[in-house]
Amino acid sequence: MPVPPDWFDRVPKVELHLHLEGAIPLAALWDLVRKYSGDRDTPTADALERRFAYRDFPHFIETWHWKNRFLKEYEDFTLVAEAVARDLAAQRIRYVEAFFSPPDFARSGLEPAGLAAAIRAGLDRVPEVTVALVADLVRDTGPEQAARTLAAVAEARAYGIVGVGIGGSEQRFPPEPFAAVYDEARRLGFRTSAHAGEAAGPESVWGAVATLRVDRIGHGTRAEEDPALLEYLAAEGVPIEMCPISNVRTGVVPSLEDHPAGRLLEQGLRVTVNTDDPKMFGTSLAGEYRALVERCGWTRDDVRRTIRNAVEASWLGDEPKRMLRREITRSPDWASSS
């Protein structure tokens, strides 16, 4: 018998760090695996689910690329975008800024504009949730390719692309070489984020804020290792897109109880809570909040605070942001104690 939804399920939520390709419901992904004649080592849907366990962060990246082999045609992106949006709407997530990764699909001959159009077609089938797109320039491809991707993305911004970021193998590709790309992104009117302090230390976060001059930091988990950096992030009000369960699953932190999200929140940083790649990590936004309350001593006021932080840190315009804030805080479930 299904478990009735609790407050964490019902409260309206906002997510700022979600990778579309990592949020594909497993049933939809299994359909794609079968469409492309399967994988010898993954003969069943249960075996597919078991693949999403990781030795460390590099193994996660390896699995990410394996999964992306089954996204080969534009119609695949329409299918998964609709499935992701329906899943988000069912979770009472009202607004999302979702990454998609054009460089990962160039080898299949898929262009950024075509990807964005296909994704938007799927998202538009689910009006219950608003999803803006953020193009991941993928640091592994290097700054020259990132610049080419940015130029192509700029031509496709009408499909709801509001910003850019760089994910990928942070431990191998520091942020500083991408400075000119980020300057150009700002000139084009894009908002900016960068994965930093996940697979590399606080020096990566410093590079993102000082050299790339990002609007937000993705993850920021290891910023805690440098007290001066925390002081800077707090003073400047830089929003942090934290992804607690993701960091546990990839071995960035040893346990949820060790995750710095609560400590950074107490120190006044603009912490937001996100899922990163929820279907690859077996999590949901409600599940993140529920675990933080049940295992880490968070209160419902902490949950509400981080949801408000996400609204304010979003890249919505002033009036849409005001409307979202009002929708969320006037929901009957917002102040509910049950």
Protein backbone atom coordinates (compact mmCIF):
# COMPACT_ATOMS: atom_id res chain seq x y z
CA MET A 1 0.00 0.00 0.00
CA PRO A 2 1.43 3.45 -0.91
CA VAL A 3 2.61 5.62 1.97
CA PRO A 4 0.44 8.76 2.30
CA PRO A 5 2.31 11.97 1.46
CA ASP A 6 3.70 13.76 4.50
CA TRP A 7 4.62 17.43 4.98
CA PHE A 8 7.91 17.06 3.14
CA ASP A 9 6.03 15.75 0.10
CA ARG A 10 3.28 18.36 0.26
CA VAL A 11 5.16 21.57 0.96
CA PRO A 12 5.83 23.51 -2.29
CA LYS A 13 9.50 23.47 -3.19
CA VAL A 14 12.11 25.00 -5.50
CA GLU A 15 15.19 23.30 -6.94
CA LEU A 16 18.20 25.09 -8.42
CA HIS A 17 20.67 22.24 -9.02
CA LEU A 18 19.16 19.40 -11.00
CA HIS A 19 20.70 17.64 -13.99
CA LEU A 20 17.98 16.65 -16.42
CA GLU A 21 19.93 13.59 -17.57
CA GLY A 22 20.38 12.45 -13.96
CA ALA A 23 16.72 12.93 -13.10
CA ILE A 24 15.27 10.49 -15.66
CA PRO A 25 12.80 8.15 -13.93
CA LEU A 26 14.18 4.63 -14.16
CA ALA A 27 11.17 3.32 -16.09
CA ALA A 28 11.79 5.90 -18.84
CA LEU A 29 15.51 5.17 -18.87
CA TRP A 30 14.84 1.43 -19.08
CA ASP A 31 12.63 2.09 -22.11
CA LEU A 32 15.60 3.79 -23.77
CA VAL A 33 17.98 0.98 -22.84
CA ARG A 34 15.63 -1.49 -24.53
CA LYS A 35 15.12 0.82 -27.51
CA TYR A 36 18.84 0.65 -28.22
CA SER A 37 19.11 -3.13 -27.77
CA GLY A 38 20.13 -3.04 -24.15
CA ASP A 39 23.44 -3.61 -22.45
CA ARG A 40 24.99 -7.02 -21.86
CA ASP A 41 25.76 -6.21 -18.22
CA THR A 42 22.34 -4.67 -17.57
CA PRO A 43 19.77 -7.29 -18.64
CA THR A 44 16.88 -6.13 -16.40
CA ALA A 45 15.38 -3.00 -14.87
CA ASP A 46 16.62 -4.21 -11.47
CA ALA A 47 20.14 -4.50 -12.85
CA LEU A 48 19.83 -0.95 -14.17
CA GLU A 49 18.98 0.31 -10.70
CA ARG A 50 21.96 -1.57 -9.24
CA ARG A 51 24.33 0.22 -11.64
CA PHE A 52 23.73 3.43 -9.74
CA ALA A 53 26.10 2.67 -6.86
CA TYR A 54 29.50 4.33 -6.94
CA ARG A 55 32.95 3.65 -5.57
CA ASP A 56 33.88 7.33 -5.74
CA PHE A 57 33.31 10.49 -7.76
CA PRO A 58 35.26 9.35 -10.88
CA HIS A 59 33.17 6.15 -10.94
CA PHE A 60 30.03 8.28 -10.85
CA ILE A 61 31.28 10.28 -13.87
CA GLU A 62 32.00 6.99 -15.67
CA THR A 63 28.44 5.80 -14.97
CA TRP A 64 27.05 9.14 -16.11
CA HIS A 65 28.68 8.70 -19.51
CA TRP A 66 27.48 5.08 -19.72
CA LYS A 67 23.89 6.17 -19.12
CA ASN A 68 24.10 8.92 -21.73
CA ARG A 69 24.82 6.31 -24.42
CA PHE A 70 21.07 5.65 -24.46
CA LEU A 71 20.16 9.24 -25.35
CA LYS A 72 20.80 9.30 -29.08
CA GLU A 73 17.94 11.11 -30.81
CA TYR A 74 16.11 14.36 -30.21
CA GLU A 75 12.90 12.46 -29.55
CA ASP A 76 14.64 10.72 -26.63
CA PHE A 77 15.08 14.09 -24.95
CA THR A 78 11.43 14.99 -25.44
CA LEU A 79 10.46 11.69 -23.84
CA VAL A 80 12.74 12.06 -20.82
CA ALA A 81 11.99 15.76 -20.33
CA GLU A 82 8.28 15.01 -20.05
CA ALA A 83 8.97 12.13 -17.65
CA VAL A 84 11.22 14.30 -15.49
CA ALA A 85 8.69 17.14 -15.42
CA ARG A 86 5.86 14.81 -14.38
CA ASP A 87 8.04 13.47 -11.59
CA LEU A 88 8.88 17.00 -10.41
CA ALA A 89 5.25 18.08 -10.47
CA ALA A 90 4.26 15.01 -8.43
CA GLN A 91 6.80 16.11 -5.79
CA ARG A 92 5.17 19.56 -5.50
CA ILE A 93 8.26 21.23 -6.89
CA ARG A 94 6.97 24.47 -8.34
CA TYR A 95 10.05 25.91 -10.05
CA VAL A 96 13.30 24.33 -11.25
CA GLU A 97 16.49 25.49 -12.92
CA ALA A 98 17.74 22.34 -14.65
CA PHE A 99 21.07 21.63 -16.30
CA PHE A 100 21.35 19.92 -19.66
CA SER A 101 24.73 18.96 -21.14
CA PRO A 102 25.05 19.61 -24.89
CA PRO A 103 28.75 18.58 -25.20
CA ASP A 104 27.94 15.07 -23.99
CA PHE A 105 25.78 14.45 -27.07
CA ALA A 106 27.82 16.08 -29.82
CA ARG A 107 29.24 12.67 -30.76
CA SER A 108 25.70 11.58 -31.65
CA GLY A 109 25.36 14.56 -33.97
CA LEU A 110 22.91 16.38 -31.69
CA GLU A 111 23.15 20.17 -31.73
CA PRO A 112 22.49 22.40 -28.68
CA ALA A 113 19.54 24.14 -30.35
CA GLY A 114 17.94 20.83 -31.30
CA LEU A 115 18.44 19.47 -27.80
CA ALA A 116 16.94 22.58 -26.21
CA ALA A 117 13.94 22.45 -28.56
CA ALA A 118 13.36 18.76 -27.88
CA ILE A 119 13.65 19.23 -24.12
CA ARG A 120 11.30 22.20 -24.14
CA ALA A 121 8.74 20.22 -26.14
CA GLY A 122 8.65 17.61 -23.38
CA LEU A 123 8.62 20.12 -20.53
CA ASP A 124 5.75 22.05 -22.09
CA ARG A 125 3.53 18.98 -21.78
CA VAL A 126 3.57 19.43 -17.97
CA PRO A 127 2.31 22.92 -17.10
CA GLU A 128 2.17 22.14 -13.36
CA VAL A 129 5.90 22.86 -12.99
CA THR A 130 8.04 25.63 -14.48
CA VAL A 131 11.49 24.49 -15.64
CA ALA A 132 14.14 26.93 -16.84
CA LEU A 133 17.24 25.49 -18.52
CA VAL A 134 20.91 25.96 -17.66
CA ALA A 135 23.47 24.78 -20.21
CA ASP A 136 26.31 22.77 -18.70
CA LEU A 137 29.37 23.65 -20.80
CA VAL A 138 31.15 20.55 -19.35
CA ARG A 139 34.65 21.47 -18.19
CA ASP A 140 36.12 18.19 -19.51
CA THR A 141 35.80 19.47 -23.09
CA GLY A 142 38.09 22.44 -22.36
CA PRO A 143 37.54 26.20 -22.72
CA GLU A 144 37.67 26.33 -26.52
CA GLN A 145 34.87 23.82 -26.91
CA ALA A 146 33.01 25.49 -24.05
CA ALA A 147 33.15 28.77 -26.00
CA ARG A 148 31.70 27.05 -29.08
CA THR A 149 28.96 25.47 -26.99
CA LEU A 150 28.16 28.85 -25.45
CA ALA A 151 27.81 30.45 -28.88
CA ALA A 152 25.43 27.69 -29.98
CA VAL A 153 23.45 27.92 -26.75
CA ALA A 154 23.04 31.65 -27.21
CA GLU A 155 21.26 30.95 -30.50
CA ALA A 156 18.82 28.69 -28.65
CA ARG A 157 18.01 30.86 -25.65
CA ALA A 158 14.38 31.25 -26.79
CA TYR A 159 13.80 27.72 -25.48
CA GLY A 160 14.11 29.01 -21.94
CA ILE A 161 17.88 28.84 -21.36
CA VAL A 162 18.63 31.32 -18.57
CA GLY A 163 22.19 30.47 -17.57
CA VAL A 164 25.32 28.39 -17.96
CA GLY A 165 27.54 26.32 -15.69
CA ILE A 166 30.40 23.86 -15.79
CA GLY A 167 30.09 20.38 -14.34
CA GLY A 168 32.20 17.31 -14.98
CA SER A 169 35.58 16.27 -13.61
CA GLU A 170 36.35 19.17 -11.31
CA GLN A 171 39.37 17.38 -9.87
CA ARG A 172 41.04 17.43 -13.31
CA PHE A 173 39.83 20.71 -14.80
CA PRO A 174 40.05 23.82 -12.57
CA PRO A 175 37.84 26.83 -13.25
CA GLU A 176 40.40 29.51 -14.11
CA PRO A 177 40.90 28.61 -17.82
CA PHE A 178 37.18 29.27 -18.39
CA ALA A 179 37.34 32.95 -17.37
CA ALA A 180 36.94 34.31 -20.91
CA VAL A 181 34.00 31.98 -21.56
CA TYR A 182 32.24 33.29 -18.46
CA ASP A 183 32.95 36.90 -19.44
CA GLU A 184 31.28 36.19 -22.77
CA ALA A 185 28.35 34.46 -21.07
CA ARG A 186 27.73 37.57 -18.98
CA ARG A 187 28.01 39.79 -22.06
CA LEU A 188 25.33 37.64 -23.68
CA GLY A 189 23.08 38.13 -20.66
CA PHE A 190 23.32 34.65 -19.13
CA ARG A 191 23.44 34.01 -15.40
CA THR A 192 26.30 31.82 -14.21
CA SER A 193 27.07 28.98 -11.85
CA ALA A 194 29.95 26.52 -11.52
CA HIS A 195 30.37 23.18 -9.83
CA ALA A 196 33.07 23.79 -7.24
CA GLY A 197 34.14 22.31 -3.93
CA GLU A 198 32.71 18.90 -4.77
CA ALA A 199 35.53 16.79 -6.22
CA ALA A 200 38.17 19.45 -5.47
CA GLY A 201 38.87 21.63 -2.44
CA PRO A 202 38.23 25.25 -1.48
CA GLU A 203 40.73 26.50 -4.05
CA SER A 204 38.19 25.47 -6.70
CA VAL A 205 35.50 27.58 -5.03
CA TRP A 206 37.87 30.54 -4.82
CA GLY A 207 38.53 30.16 -8.55
CA ALA A 208 34.84 30.12 -9.32
CA VAL A 209 34.00 33.24 -7.31
CA ALA A 210 37.18 35.26 -7.93
CA THR A 211 37.97 34.37 -11.55
CA LEU A 212 34.69 33.21 -13.06
CA ARG A 213 32.68 35.66 -10.89
CA VAL A 214 29.75 33.29 -10.73
CA ASP A 215 26.30 34.17 -9.42
CA ARG A 216 26.02 30.85 -7.55
CA ILE A 217 28.22 27.95 -6.48
CA GLY A 218 27.16 24.39 -7.28
CA HIS A 219 27.83 22.06 -4.32
CA GLY A 220 30.43 24.08 -2.37
CA THR A 221 30.73 21.13 -0.01
CA ARG A 222 34.45 21.55 0.75
CA ALA A 223 34.33 25.33 1.20
CA GLU A 224 34.19 24.58 4.91
CA GLU A 225 37.88 23.66 4.82
CA ASP A 226 38.76 27.37 4.46
CA PRO A 227 37.24 29.67 7.12
CA ALA A 228 38.26 32.76 5.12
CA LEU A 229 36.28 31.42 2.16
CA LEU A 230 33.20 30.90 4.31
CA GLU A 231 33.49 34.46 5.57
CA TYR A 232 33.70 35.71 1.99
CA LEU A 233 30.71 33.65 0.81
CA ALA A 234 28.62 34.84 3.75
CA ALA A 235 29.62 38.49 3.35
CA GLU A 236 28.97 38.49 -0.38
CA GLY A 237 25.74 36.52 -0.07
CA VAL A 238 26.80 33.96 -2.69
CA PRO A 239 24.07 31.28 -2.92
CA ILE A 240 25.28 27.70 -2.49
CA GLU A 241 23.48 24.91 -4.37
CA MET A 242 24.12 22.10 -1.86
CA CYS A 243 23.30 18.48 -2.72
CA PRO A 244 23.69 16.44 0.50
CA ILE A 245 22.70 12.92 -0.55
CA SER A 246 24.58 13.24 -3.84
CA ASN A 247 27.74 14.05 -1.87
CA VAL A 248 27.26 10.98 0.31
CA ARG A 249 26.62 8.69 -2.67
CA THR A 250 29.77 9.83 -4.48
CA GLY A 251 31.95 9.70 -1.36
CA VAL A 252 32.56 13.44 -1.10
CA VAL A 253 31.41 13.20 2.54
CA PRO A 254 31.34 9.99 4.58
CA SER A 255 27.75 10.31 5.83
CA LEU A 256 24.78 12.63 5.81
CA GLU A 257 25.48 13.48 9.43
CA ASP A 258 28.90 14.80 8.37
CA HIS A 259 27.52 17.03 5.61
CA PRO A 260 28.22 20.75 6.14
CA ALA A 261 24.84 22.08 4.89
CA GLY A 262 23.45 22.62 8.39
CA ARG A 263 26.64 24.17 9.71
CA LEU A 264 26.84 26.59 6.78
CA LEU A 265 23.19 27.51 7.23
CA GLU A 266 23.85 28.31 10.91
CA GLN A 267 26.80 30.51 9.88
CA GLY A 268 24.54 32.63 7.73
CA LEU A 269 25.43 31.35 4.26
CA ARG A 270 22.71 31.32 1.60
CA VAL A 271 22.30 27.54 1.53
CA THR A 272 19.82 25.88 -0.82
CA VAL A 273 19.06 22.14 -0.85
CA ASN A 274 18.94 20.22 -4.13
CA THR A 275 19.11 16.68 -5.49
CA ASP A 276 21.72 16.95 -8.30
CA ASP A 277 20.99 13.62 -10.07
CA PRO A 278 18.09 12.24 -8.04
CA LYS A 279 17.36 9.04 -9.99
CA MET A 280 21.05 8.15 -10.04
CA PHE A 281 21.27 8.69 -6.28
CA GLY A 282 17.92 7.24 -5.20
CA THR A 283 16.70 10.51 -3.72
CA SER A 284 14.08 13.22 -4.09
CA LEU A 285 13.85 16.77 -2.81
CA ALA A 286 11.31 15.72 -0.20
CA GLY A 287 13.66 12.88 0.75
CA GLU A 288 16.58 15.27 1.16
CA TYR A 289 14.63 17.47 3.54
CA ARG A 290 13.13 14.54 5.42
CA ALA A 291 16.59 13.03 5.98
CA LEU A 292 18.06 16.36 7.13
CA VAL A 293 15.29 16.72 9.71
CA GLU A 294 15.28 13.10 10.90
CA ARG A 295 19.04 12.53 10.92
CA CYS A 296 20.75 15.90 11.16
CA GLY A 297 18.68 17.88 13.62
CA TRP A 298 17.15 20.27 11.11
CA THR A 299 13.81 21.88 11.93
CA ARG A 300 10.93 22.66 9.61
CA ASP A 301 11.94 26.30 9.92
CA ASP A 302 15.35 25.32 8.49
CA VAL A 303 13.55 23.65 5.58
CA ARG A 304 11.39 26.72 5.00
CA ARG A 305 14.48 28.94 5.20
CA THR A 306 16.32 27.03 2.49
CA ILE A 307 13.23 26.98 0.26
CA ARG A 308 12.99 30.76 0.65
CA ASN A 309 16.72 30.98 -0.11
CA ALA A 310 16.11 29.06 -3.33
CA VAL A 311 13.33 31.43 -4.38
CA GLU A 312 15.54 34.47 -3.77
CA ALA A 313 18.60 32.87 -5.43
CA SER A 314 16.64 31.83 -8.51
CA TRP A 315 17.21 33.59 -11.82
CA LEU A 316 13.60 34.61 -12.22
CA GLY A 317 12.79 38.23 -12.90
CA ASP A 318 11.45 40.39 -10.09
CA GLU A 319 7.75 39.93 -10.80
CA PRO A 320 7.85 36.13 -11.46
CA LYS A 321 9.96 35.77 -8.31
CA ARG A 322 7.40 37.75 -6.29
CA MET A 323 4.61 35.56 -7.63
CA LEU A 324 6.53 32.36 -6.82
CA ARG A 325 7.29 33.61 -3.31
CA ARG A 326 3.62 34.37 -2.78
CA GLU A 327 2.45 31.02 -4.18
CA ILE A 328 4.77 29.09 -1.89
CA THR A 329 4.35 31.01 1.35
CA ARG A 330 0.54 31.23 1.02
CA SER A 331 0.16 27.51 0.43
CA PRO A 332 -1.83 25.82 3.25
CA ASP A 333 1.05 23.36 3.64
CA TRP A 334 3.73 26.03 4.12
CA ALA A 335 3.08 26.68 7.80
CA SER A 336 1.53 23.30 8.53
CA SER A 337 2.87 21.36 11.52
CA SER A 338 1.49 17.99 10.40
